[in-house]
Structure formats: C-alpha cells, structure tokens
PDB file of N, CA and C in Angstrom:
ATOM      1  N   UNK A   1     -10.648  21.445  14.358  1.00  0.00           N
ATOM      2  CA  UNK A   1     -10.771  20.839  13.040  1.00  0.00           C
ATOM      3  C   UNK A   1     -11.742  19.668  13.136  1.00  0.00           C
ATOM      4  N   UNK A   2     -12.537  19.519  12.134  1.00  0.00           N
ATOM      5  CA  UNK A   2     -13.510  18.437  12.066  1.00  0.00           C
ATOM      6  C   UNK A   2     -12.786  17.096  11.967  1.00  0.00           C
ATOM      7  N   UNK A   3     -13.396  16.063  12.547  1.00  0.00           N
ATOM      8  CA  UNK A   3     -12.772  14.735  12.544  1.00  0.00           C
ATOM      9  C   UNK A   3     -12.648  14.193  11.123  1.00  0.00           C
ATOM     10  N   UNK A   4     -13.662  14.426  10.300  1.00  0.00           N
ATOM     11  CA  UNK A   4     -13.601  13.947   8.918  1.00  0.00           C
ATOM     12  C   UNK A   4     -12.438  14.584   8.160  1.00  0.00           C
ATOM     13  N   UNK A   5     -12.268  15.877   8.304  1.00  0.00           N
ATOM     14  CA  UNK A   5     -11.162  16.552   7.617  1.00  0.00           C
ATOM     15  C   UNK A   5      -9.817  16.021   8.091  1.00  0.00           C
ATOM     16  N   UNK A   6      -9.706  15.808   9.396  1.00  0.00           N
ATOM     17  CA  UNK A   6      -8.461  15.285   9.949  1.00  0.00           C
ATOM     18  C   UNK A   6      -8.152  13.904   9.373  1.00  0.00           C
ATOM     19  N   UNK A   7      -9.146  13.007   9.344  1.00  0.00           N
ATOM     20  CA  UNK A   7      -8.922  11.663   8.812  1.00  0.00           C
ATOM     21  C   UNK A   7      -8.617  11.689   7.319  1.00  0.00           C
ATOM     22  N   UNK A   8      -9.290  12.565   6.587  1.00  0.00           N
ATOM     23  CA  UNK A   8      -9.015  12.653   5.150  1.00  0.00           C
ATOM     24  C   UNK A   8      -7.623  13.205   4.869  1.00  0.00           C
ATOM     25  N   UNK A   9      -7.180  14.152   5.677  1.00  0.00           N
ATOM     26  CA  UNK A   9      -5.822  14.684   5.506  1.00  0.00           C
ATOM     27  C   UNK A   9      -4.785  13.605   5.799  1.00  0.00           C
ATOM     28  N   UNK A  10      -4.998  12.847   6.877  1.00  0.00           N
ATOM     29  CA  UNK A  10      -4.054  11.764   7.216  1.00  0.00           C
ATOM     30  C   UNK A  10      -4.060  10.686   6.133  1.00  0.00           C
ATOM     31  N   UNK A  11      -5.245  10.259   5.690  1.00  0.00           N
ATOM     32  CA  UNK A  11      -5.334   9.221   4.664  1.00  0.00           C
ATOM     33  C   UNK A  11      -4.742   9.658   3.336  1.00  0.00           C
ATOM     34  N   UNK A  12      -5.027  10.891   2.936  1.00  0.00           N
ATOM     35  CA  UNK A  12      -4.465  11.401   1.685  1.00  0.00           C
ATOM     36  C   UNK A  12      -2.957  11.564   1.787  1.00  0.00           C
ATOM     37  N   UNK A  13      -2.498  12.008   2.943  1.00  0.00           N
ATOM     38  CA  UNK A  13      -1.052  12.117   3.159  1.00  0.00           C
ATOM     39  C   UNK A  13      -0.362  10.767   3.057  1.00  0.00           C
ATOM     40  N   UNK A  14      -0.950   9.742   3.678  1.00  0.00           N
ATOM     41  CA  UNK A  14      -0.381   8.399   3.575  1.00  0.00           C
ATOM     42  C   UNK A  14      -0.337   7.920   2.122  1.00  0.00           C
ATOM     43  N   UNK A  15      -1.422   8.181   1.408  1.00  0.00           N
ATOM     44  CA  UNK A  15      -1.465   7.730   0.014  1.00  0.00           C
ATOM     45  C   UNK A  15      -0.394   8.409  -0.828  1.00  0.00           C
ATOM     46  N   UNK A  16      -0.246   9.730  -0.687  1.00  0.00           N
ATOM     47  CA  UNK A  16       0.735  10.436  -1.512  1.00  0.00           C
ATOM     48  C   UNK A  16       2.172  10.188  -1.074  1.00  0.00           C
ATOM     49  N   UNK A  17       2.403   9.958   0.195  1.00  0.00           N
ATOM     50  CA  UNK A  17       3.739   9.551   0.633  1.00  0.00           C
ATOM     51  C   UNK A  17       4.091   8.198   0.016  1.00  0.00           C
ATOM     52  N   UNK A  18       3.120   7.276   0.003  1.00  0.00           N
ATOM     53  CA  UNK A  18       3.343   5.979  -0.632  1.00  0.00           C
ATOM     54  C   UNK A  18       3.581   6.094  -2.122  1.00  0.00           C
ATOM     55  N   UNK A  19       2.805   6.946  -2.796  1.00  0.00           N
ATOM     56  CA  UNK A  19       2.992   7.129  -4.237  1.00  0.00           C
ATOM     57  C   UNK A  19       4.362   7.729  -4.537  1.00  0.00           C
ATOM     58  N   UNK A  20       4.773   8.719  -3.747  1.00  0.00           N
ATOM     59  CA  UNK A  20       6.090   9.316  -3.938  1.00  0.00           C
ATOM     60  C   UNK A  20       7.192   8.285  -3.690  1.00  0.00           C
ATOM     61  N   UNK A  21       7.053   7.496  -2.632  1.00  0.00           N
ATOM     62  CA  UNK A  21       8.041   6.461  -2.339  1.00  0.00           C
ATOM     63  C   UNK A  21       8.121   5.413  -3.422  1.00  0.00           C
ATOM     64  N   UNK A  22       6.978   5.052  -3.999  1.00  0.00           N
ATOM     65  CA  UNK A  22       6.978   4.043  -5.049  1.00  0.00           C
ATOM     66  C   UNK A  22       7.641   4.549  -6.321  1.00  0.00           C
ATOM     67  N   UNK A  23       7.426   5.815  -6.634  1.00  0.00           N
ATOM     68  CA  UNK A  23       7.971   6.364  -7.877  1.00  0.00           C
ATOM     69  C   UNK A  23       9.443   6.749  -7.783  1.00  0.00           C
ATOM     70  N   UNK A  24       9.952   6.989  -6.588  1.00  0.00           N
ATOM     71  CA  UNK A  24      11.319   7.475  -6.473  1.00  0.00           C
ATOM     72  C   UNK A  24      12.325   6.438  -5.979  1.00  0.00           C
ATOM     73  N   UNK A  25      11.900   5.344  -5.445  1.00  0.00           N
ATOM     74  CA  UNK A  25      12.834   4.363  -4.884  1.00  0.00           C
ATOM     75  C   UNK A  25      13.228   3.316  -5.909  1.00  0.00           C
ATOM     76  N   UNK A  26      14.409   2.760  -5.739  1.00  0.00           N
ATOM     77  CA  UNK A  26      14.878   1.681  -6.600  1.00  0.00           C
ATOM     78  C   UNK A  26      14.894   0.349  -5.880  1.00  0.00           C
ATOM     79  N   UNK A  27      14.918   0.374  -4.556  1.00  0.00           N
ATOM     80  CA  UNK A  27      14.925  -0.857  -3.783  1.00  0.00           C
ATOM     81  C   UNK A  27      13.516  -1.429  -3.777  1.00  0.00           C
ATOM     82  N   UNK A  28      13.397  -2.693  -4.107  1.00  0.00           N
ATOM     83  CA  UNK A  28      12.085  -3.304  -4.257  1.00  0.00           C
ATOM     84  C   UNK A  28      11.364  -3.449  -2.915  1.00  0.00           C
ATOM     85  N   UNK A  29      12.105  -3.556  -1.819  1.00  0.00           N
ATOM     86  CA  UNK A  29      11.460  -3.658  -0.506  1.00  0.00           C
ATOM     87  C   UNK A  29      10.842  -2.330  -0.077  1.00  0.00           C
ATOM     88  N   UNK A  30      11.499  -1.226  -0.371  1.00  0.00           N
ATOM     89  CA  UNK A  30      10.901   0.069  -0.045  1.00  0.00           C
ATOM     90  C   UNK A  30       9.700   0.356  -0.956  1.00  0.00           C
ATOM     91  N   UNK A  31       9.715  -0.208  -2.155  1.00  0.00           N
ATOM     92  CA  UNK A  31       8.542  -0.079  -3.018  1.00  0.00           C
ATOM     93  C   UNK A  31       7.357  -0.848  -2.438  1.00  0.00           C
ATOM     94  N   UNK A  32       7.614  -1.995  -1.835  1.00  0.00           N
ATOM     95  CA  UNK A  32       6.555  -2.754  -1.170  1.00  0.00           C
ATOM     96  C   UNK A  32       5.967  -1.958  -0.010  1.00  0.00           C
ATOM     97  N   UNK A  33       6.814  -1.336   0.777  1.00  0.00           N
ATOM     98  CA  UNK A  33       6.343  -0.524   1.894  1.00  0.00           C
ATOM     99  C   UNK A  33       5.519   0.650   1.378  1.00  0.00           C
ATOM    100  N   UNK A  34       5.921   1.227   0.269  1.00  0.00           N
ATOM    101  CA  UNK A  34       5.175   2.341  -0.316  1.00  0.00           C
ATOM    102  C   UNK A  34       3.795   1.895  -0.791  1.00  0.00           C
ATOM    103  N   UNK A  35       3.701   0.722  -1.384  1.00  0.00           N
ATOM    104  CA  UNK A  35       2.396   0.203  -1.816  1.00  0.00           C
ATOM    105  C   UNK A  35       1.505  -0.053  -0.611  1.00  0.00           C
ATOM    106  N   UNK A  36       2.078  -0.567   0.455  1.00  0.00           N
ATOM    107  CA  UNK A  36       1.304  -0.794   1.682  1.00  0.00           C
ATOM    108  C   UNK A  36       0.799   0.528   2.255  1.00  0.00           C
ATOM    109  N   UNK A  37       1.616   1.567   2.213  1.00  0.00           N
ATOM    110  CA  UNK A  37       1.160   2.886   2.666  1.00  0.00           C
ATOM    111  C   UNK A  37       0.005   3.393   1.813  1.00  0.00           C
ATOM    112  N   UNK A  38       0.086   3.184   0.518  1.00  0.00           N
ATOM    113  CA  UNK A  38      -0.990   3.618  -0.368  1.00  0.00           C
ATOM    114  C   UNK A  38      -2.290   2.878  -0.055  1.00  0.00           C
ATOM    115  N   UNK A  39      -2.219   1.582   0.164  1.00  0.00           N
ATOM    116  CA  UNK A  39      -3.414   0.814   0.484  1.00  0.00           C
ATOM    117  C   UNK A  39      -4.006   1.232   1.830  1.00  0.00           C
ATOM    118  N   UNK A  40      -3.151   1.495   2.811  1.00  0.00           N
ATOM    119  CA  UNK A  40      -3.649   1.923   4.118  1.00  0.00           C
ATOM    120  C   UNK A  40      -4.275   3.309   4.045  1.00  0.00           C
ATOM    121  N   UNK A  41      -3.713   4.200   3.246  1.00  0.00           N
ATOM    122  CA  UNK A  41      -4.306   5.522   3.068  1.00  0.00           C
ATOM    123  C   UNK A  41      -5.674   5.436   2.413  1.00  0.00           C
ATOM    124  N   UNK A  42      -5.799   4.569   1.414  1.00  0.00           N
ATOM    125  CA  UNK A  42      -7.093   4.393   0.747  1.00  0.00           C
ATOM    126  C   UNK A  42      -8.121   3.797   1.703  1.00  0.00           C
ATOM    127  N   UNK A  43      -7.710   2.839   2.524  1.00  0.00           N
ATOM    128  CA  UNK A  43      -8.633   2.235   3.495  1.00  0.00           C
ATOM    129  C   UNK A  43      -9.068   3.251   4.540  1.00  0.00           C
ATOM    130  N   UNK A  44      -8.158   4.090   4.988  1.00  0.00           N
ATOM    131  CA  UNK A  44      -8.513   5.109   5.974  1.00  0.00           C
ATOM    132  C   UNK A  44      -9.496   6.122   5.390  1.00  0.00           C
ATOM    133  N   UNK A  45      -9.290   6.542   4.151  1.00  0.00           N
ATOM    134  CA  UNK A  45     -10.237   7.447   3.510  1.00  0.00           C
ATOM    135  C   UNK A  45     -11.603   6.788   3.330  1.00  0.00           C
ATOM    136  N   UNK A  46     -11.614   5.518   2.991  1.00  0.00           N
ATOM    137  CA  UNK A  46     -12.859   4.792   2.840  1.00  0.00           C
ATOM    138  C   UNK A  46     -13.617   4.727   4.163  1.00  0.00           C
ATOM    139  N   UNK A  47     -12.915   4.453   5.243  1.00  0.00           N
ATOM    140  CA  UNK A  47     -13.556   4.413   6.561  1.00  0.00           C
ATOM    141  C   UNK A  47     -14.071   5.784   6.979  1.00  0.00           C
ATOM    142  N   UNK A  48     -13.327   6.819   6.670  1.00  0.00           N
ATOM    143  CA  UNK A  48     -13.756   8.166   7.042  1.00  0.00           C
ATOM    144  C   UNK A  48     -15.022   8.554   6.296  1.00  0.00           C
ATOM    145  N   UNK A  49     -15.073   8.280   4.998  1.00  0.00           N
ATOM    146  CA  UNK A  49     -16.277   8.603   4.237  1.00  0.00           C
ATOM    147  C   UNK A  49     -17.468   7.769   4.687  1.00  0.00           C
ATOM    148  N   UNK A  50     -17.235   6.497   5.003  1.00  0.00           N
ATOM    149  CA  UNK A  50     -18.331   5.663   5.474  1.00  0.00           C
ATOM    150  C   UNK A  50     -18.871   6.174   6.805  1.00  0.00           C
ATOM    151  N   UNK A  51     -17.996   6.578   7.689  1.00  0.00           N
ATOM    152  CA  UNK A  51     -18.425   7.095   8.998  1.00  0.00           C
ATOM    153  C   UNK A  51     -19.206   8.398   8.847  1.00  0.00           C
ATOM    154  N   UNK A  52     -18.825   9.203   7.870  1.00  0.00           N
ATOM    155  CA  UNK A  52     -19.487  10.487   7.672  1.00  0.00           C
ATOM    156  C   UNK A  52     -20.832  10.325   6.946  1.00  0.00           C
ATOM    157  N   UNK A  53     -20.864   9.503   5.902  1.00  0.00           N
ATOM    158  CA  UNK A  53     -22.070   9.389   5.089  1.00  0.00           C
ATOM    159  C   UNK A  53     -23.106   8.433   5.677  1.00  0.00           C
ATOM    160  N   UNK A  54     -22.650   7.274   6.165  1.00  0.00           N
ATOM    161  CA  UNK A  54     -23.557   6.275   6.721  1.00  0.00           C
ATOM    162  C   UNK A  54     -23.011   5.794   8.064  1.00  0.00           C
ATOM    163  N   UNK A  55     -23.220   6.544   9.132  1.00  0.00           N
ATOM    164  CA  UNK A  55     -22.624   6.163  10.417  1.00  0.00           C
ATOM    165  C   UNK A  55     -23.196   4.889  11.020  1.00  0.00           C
ATOM    166  N   UNK A  56     -24.388   4.469  10.600  1.00  0.00           N
ATOM    167  CA  UNK A  56     -24.995   3.276  11.192  1.00  0.00           C
ATOM    168  C   UNK A  56     -24.746   2.004  10.381  1.00  0.00           C
ATOM    169  N   UNK A  57     -24.047   2.110   9.260  1.00  0.00           N
ATOM    170  CA  UNK A  57     -23.777   0.947   8.412  1.00  0.00           C
ATOM    171  C   UNK A  57     -22.304   0.560   8.488  1.00  0.00           C
ATOM    172  N   UNK A  58     -22.021  -0.703   8.203  1.00  0.00           N
ATOM    173  CA  UNK A  58     -20.657  -1.223   8.313  1.00  0.00           C
ATOM    174  C   UNK A  58     -20.035  -1.551   6.959  1.00  0.00           C
ATOM    175  N   UNK A  59     -20.571  -0.998   5.886  1.00  0.00           N
ATOM    176  CA  UNK A  59     -20.049  -1.313   4.548  1.00  0.00           C
ATOM    177  C   UNK A  59     -18.589  -0.897   4.401  1.00  0.00           C
ATOM    178  N   UNK A  60     -18.261   0.283   4.859  1.00  0.00           N
ATOM    179  CA  UNK A  60     -16.883   0.767   4.759  1.00  0.00           C
ATOM    180  C   UNK A  60     -15.921  -0.065   5.573  1.00  0.00           C
ATOM    181  N   UNK A  61     -16.364  -0.550   6.716  1.00  0.00           N
ATOM    182  CA  UNK A  61     -15.513  -1.397   7.553  1.00  0.00           C
ATOM    183  C   UNK A  61     -15.189  -2.698   6.841  1.00  0.00           C
ATOM    184  N   UNK A  62     -16.187  -3.309   6.234  1.00  0.00           N
ATOM    185  CA  UNK A  62     -15.942  -4.566   5.529  1.00  0.00           C
ATOM    186  C   UNK A  62     -15.060  -4.360   4.306  1.00  0.00           C
ATOM    187  N   UNK A  63     -15.248  -3.248   3.602  1.00  0.00           N
ATOM    188  CA  UNK A  63     -14.370  -2.961   2.466  1.00  0.00           C
ATOM    189  C   UNK A  63     -12.938  -2.703   2.931  1.00  0.00           C
ATOM    190  N   UNK A  64     -12.779  -2.026   4.055  1.00  0.00           N
ATOM    191  CA  UNK A  64     -11.434  -1.794   4.586  1.00  0.00           C
ATOM    192  C   UNK A  64     -10.776  -3.114   5.010  1.00  0.00           C
ATOM    193  N   UNK A  65     -11.543  -4.013   5.610  1.00  0.00           N
ATOM    194  CA  UNK A  65     -10.999  -5.331   5.955  1.00  0.00           C
ATOM    195  C   UNK A  65     -10.612  -6.111   4.701  1.00  0.00           C
ATOM    196  N   UNK A  66     -11.389  -5.957   3.640  1.00  0.00           N
ATOM    197  CA  UNK A  66     -11.060  -6.589   2.366  1.00  0.00           C
ATOM    198  C   UNK A  66      -9.759  -6.024   1.802  1.00  0.00           C
ATOM    199  N   UNK A  67      -9.573  -4.711   1.905  1.00  0.00           N
ATOM    200  CA  UNK A  67      -8.337  -4.079   1.451  1.00  0.00           C
ATOM    201  C   UNK A  67      -7.148  -4.585   2.253  1.00  0.00           C
ATOM    202  N   UNK A  68      -7.318  -4.735   3.557  1.00  0.00           N
ATOM    203  CA  UNK A  68      -6.231  -5.232   4.412  1.00  0.00           C
ATOM    204  C   UNK A  68      -5.893  -6.679   4.048  1.00  0.00           C
ATOM    205  N   UNK A  69      -6.913  -7.498   3.764  1.00  0.00           N
ATOM    206  CA  UNK A  69      -6.656  -8.891   3.372  1.00  0.00           C
ATOM    207  C   UNK A  69      -5.920  -8.957   2.041  1.00  0.00           C
ATOM    208  N   UNK A  70      -6.302  -8.121   1.094  1.00  0.00           N
ATOM    209  CA  UNK A  70      -5.606  -8.085  -0.195  1.00  0.00           C
ATOM    210  C   UNK A  70      -4.170  -7.614  -0.006  1.00  0.00           C
ATOM    211  N   UNK A  71      -3.957  -6.639   0.870  1.00  0.00           N
ATOM    212  CA  UNK A  71      -2.600  -6.148   1.122  1.00  0.00           C
ATOM    213  C   UNK A  71      -1.733  -7.243   1.748  1.00  0.00           C
ATOM    214  N   UNK A  72      -2.304  -8.047   2.630  1.00  0.00           N
ATOM    215  CA  UNK A  72      -1.536  -9.133   3.242  1.00  0.00           C
ATOM    216  C   UNK A  72      -1.166 -10.198   2.211  1.00  0.00           C
ATOM    217  N   UNK A  73      -2.105 -10.549   1.343  1.00  0.00           N
ATOM    218  CA  UNK A  73      -1.809 -11.534   0.296  1.00  0.00           C
ATOM    219  C   UNK A  73      -0.785 -10.986  -0.686  1.00  0.00           C
ATOM    220  N   UNK A  74      -0.928  -9.713  -1.034  1.00  0.00           N
ATOM    221  CA  UNK A  74       0.032  -9.080  -1.944  1.00  0.00           C
ATOM    222  C   UNK A  74       1.423  -9.056  -1.330  1.00  0.00           C
ATOM    223  N   UNK A  75       1.508  -8.781  -0.051  1.00  0.00           N
ATOM    224  CA  UNK A  75       2.818  -8.748   0.613  1.00  0.00           C
ATOM    225  C   UNK A  75       3.454 -10.133   0.643  1.00  0.00           C
ATOM    226  N   UNK A  76       2.662 -11.159   0.872  1.00  0.00           N
ATOM    227  CA  UNK A  76       3.212 -12.519   0.904  1.00  0.00           C
ATOM    228  C   UNK A  76       3.757 -12.928  -0.458  1.00  0.00           C
ATOM    229  N   UNK A  77       3.027 -12.652  -1.522  1.00  0.00           N
ATOM    230  CA  UNK A  77       3.493 -12.986  -2.874  1.00  0.00           C
ATOM    231  C   UNK A  77       4.711 -12.149  -3.233  1.00  0.00           C
ATOM    232  N   UNK A  78       4.677 -10.875  -2.883  1.00  0.00           N
ATOM    233  CA  UNK A  78       5.776  -9.976  -3.194  1.00  0.00           C
ATOM    234  C   UNK A  78       7.061 -10.397  -2.485  1.00  0.00           C
ATOM    235  N   UNK A  79       6.951 -10.790  -1.236  1.00  0.00           N
ATOM    236  CA  UNK A  79       8.142 -11.226  -0.491  1.00  0.00           C
ATOM    237  C   UNK A  79       8.691 -12.521  -1.072  1.00  0.00           C
ATOM    238  N   UNK A  80       7.825 -13.413  -1.520  1.00  0.00           N
ATOM    239  CA  UNK A  80       8.301 -14.637  -2.173  1.00  0.00           C
ATOM    240  C   UNK A  80       9.059 -14.317  -3.453  1.00  0.00           C
ATOM    241  N   UNK A  81       8.556 -13.376  -4.230  1.00  0.00           N
ATOM    242  CA  UNK A  81       9.250 -12.970  -5.460  1.00  0.00           C
ATOM    243  C   UNK A  81      10.590 -12.320  -5.130  1.00  0.00           C
ATOM    244  N   UNK A  82      10.617 -11.481  -4.102  1.00  0.00           N
ATOM    245  CA  UNK A  82      11.859 -10.812  -3.709  1.00  0.00           C
ATOM    246  C   UNK A  82      12.891 -11.827  -3.240  1.00  0.00           C
ATOM    247  N   UNK A  83      12.470 -12.825  -2.477  1.00  0.00           N
ATOM    248  CA  UNK A  83      13.422 -13.846  -2.026  1.00  0.00           C
ATOM    249  C   UNK A  83      14.001 -14.631  -3.199  1.00  0.00           C
ATOM    250  N   UNK A  84      13.171 -14.984  -4.164  1.00  0.00           N
ATOM    251  CA  UNK A  84      13.665 -15.695  -5.345  1.00  0.00           C
ATOM    252  C   UNK A  84      14.613 -14.804  -6.150  1.00  0.00           C
ATOM    253  N   UNK A  85      14.260 -13.541  -6.296  1.00  0.00           N
ATOM    254  CA  UNK A  85      15.110 -12.595  -7.017  1.00  0.00           C
ATOM    255  C   UNK A  85      16.456 -12.437  -6.320  1.00  0.00           C
ATOM    256  N   UNK A  86      16.439 -12.338  -5.006  1.00  0.00           N
ATOM    257  CA  UNK A  86      17.699 -12.172  -4.277  1.00  0.00           C
ATOM    258  C   UNK A  86      18.565 -13.431  -4.378  1.00  0.00           C
ATOM    259  N   UNK A  87      17.940 -14.579  -4.343  1.00  0.00           N
ATOM    260  CA  UNK A  87      18.732 -15.817  -4.467  1.00  0.00           C
ATOM    261  C   UNK A  87      19.383 -15.931  -5.844  1.00  0.00           C
ATOM    262  N   UNK A  88      18.688 -15.470  -6.869  1.00  0.00           N
ATOM    263  CA  UNK A  88      19.238 -15.578  -8.228  1.00  0.00           C
ATOM    264  C   UNK A  88      20.250 -14.496  -8.552  1.00  0.00           C
ATOM    265  N   UNK A  89      20.009 -13.265  -8.116  1.00  0.00           N
ATOM    266  CA  UNK A  89      20.834 -12.139  -8.554  1.00  0.00           C
ATOM    267  C   UNK A  89      21.647 -11.481  -7.441  1.00  0.00           C
ATOM    268  N   UNK A  90      21.407 -11.814  -6.202  1.00  0.00           N
ATOM    269  CA  UNK A  90      22.103 -11.235  -5.041  1.00  0.00           C
ATOM    270  C   UNK A  90      21.886  -9.729  -4.912  1.00  0.00           C
ATOM    271  N   UNK A  91      20.744  -9.244  -5.381  1.00  0.00           N
ATOM    272  CA  UNK A  91      20.401  -7.832  -5.242  1.00  0.00           C
ATOM    273  C   UNK A  91      18.885  -7.688  -5.266  1.00  0.00           C
ATOM    274  N   UNK A  92      18.406  -6.587  -4.715  1.00  0.00           N
ATOM    275  CA  UNK A  92      16.979  -6.270  -4.793  1.00  0.00           C
ATOM    276  C   UNK A  92      16.779  -4.931  -5.506  1.00  0.00           C
ATOM    277  N   UNK A  93      17.736  -4.557  -6.337  1.00  0.00           N
ATOM    278  CA  UNK A  93      17.659  -3.320  -7.105  1.00  0.00           C
ATOM    279  C   UNK A  93      16.749  -3.526  -8.311  1.00  0.00           C
ATOM    280  N   UNK A  94      15.808  -2.636  -8.494  1.00  0.00           N
ATOM    281  CA  UNK A  94      14.835  -2.776  -9.570  1.00  0.00           C
ATOM    282  C   UNK A  94      15.491  -2.634 -10.936  1.00  0.00           C
ATOM    283  N   UNK A  95      16.535  -1.847 -11.044  1.00  0.00           N
ATOM    284  CA  UNK A  95      17.212  -1.656 -12.331  1.00  0.00           C
ATOM    285  C   UNK A  95      17.831  -2.946 -12.844  1.00  0.00           C
ATOM    286  N   UNK A  96      18.246  -3.804 -11.955  1.00  0.00           N
ATOM    287  CA  UNK A  96      18.881  -5.068 -12.364  1.00  0.00           C
ATOM    288  C   UNK A  96      17.857  -6.134 -12.736  1.00  0.00           C
ATOM    289  N   UNK A  97      16.612  -5.949 -12.377  1.00  0.00           N
ATOM    290  CA  UNK A  97      15.585  -6.936 -12.673  1.00  0.00           C
ATOM    291  C   UNK A  97      15.385  -7.072 -14.178  1.00  0.00           C
ATOM    292  N   UNK A  98      15.597  -6.020 -14.924  1.00  0.00           N
ATOM    293  CA  UNK A  98      15.420  -6.093 -16.373  1.00  0.00           C
ATOM    294  C   UNK A  98      16.418  -7.046 -17.022  1.00  0.00           C
ATOM    295  N   UNK A  99      17.497  -7.384 -16.336  1.00  0.00           N
ATOM    296  CA  UNK A  99      18.456  -8.343 -16.865  1.00  0.00           C
ATOM    297  C   UNK A  99      17.896  -9.753 -16.925  1.00  0.00           C
ATOM    298  N   UNK A 100      16.821 -10.017 -16.171  1.00  0.00           N
ATOM    299  CA  UNK A 100      16.220 -11.359 -16.194  1.00  0.00           C
ATOM    300  C   UNK A 100      15.494 -11.647 -17.489  1.00  0.00           C
ATOM    301  N   UNK A 101      15.170 -10.644 -18.262  1.00  0.00           N
ATOM    302  CA  UNK A 101      14.443 -10.841 -19.510  1.00  0.00           C
ATOM    303  C   UNK A 101      15.297 -11.543 -20.556  1.00  0.00           C
ATOM    304  N   UNK A 102      16.595 -11.475 -20.465  1.00  0.00           N
ATOM    305  CA  UNK A 102      17.473 -12.047 -21.491  1.00  0.00           C
ATOM    306  C   UNK A 102      17.752 -13.497 -21.268  1.00  0.00           C
TER     307      UNK A 102
END
C-alpha cells in the first residue's frame, strides 16, 4: 500500500472516530478527547497531502504545528470550564449543563 493512502486512511479514521465520539457521548471530558482526535486526524491528513504535493516545502508542517498549538489552547480553556462546571454542579454530564441557563 502506498504511504499516502496509509496516512490518509489513518487520518480519516481518527477524524471520524472523533466525530462519532463527539456526537454520541454525554460526558464532557470524552467530548474533549473526541475533539482532540478530530484535530489530530486533520493535522495528519494535512501533513500527508503536503508531503505528497510539495515534498520540499514545510508549509504543511507549520500548519500542523499551528493546529497542535490551537488544540493545546482549546484544551486548557476547556479544562478550566469543566473544573468550574464540576465545582458548581458536581457533574460533567452535558445534559445537566442546560440547567445553568435558568
């Protein structure tokens, strides 16, 4: 199997596993993990296409590093929100979050 096909299959698999996890889970921490999987799958596909189309350029690498930096910042903000939510409601269930609107 070609290396590009292998990387695209792995990256697409990671993305769809993350999308499925995000849509089916109720625990907010598993939703965070699913979003991280989606971002990593997108970064892997970006690197694979960059390696295939422009092997001598580093544009895809820098974009992937940018995606990783955004994922780290998103995780830090998300964990802060989860900690505040847990302190207030003693749960991380997404269904109970709608009670905060009242």
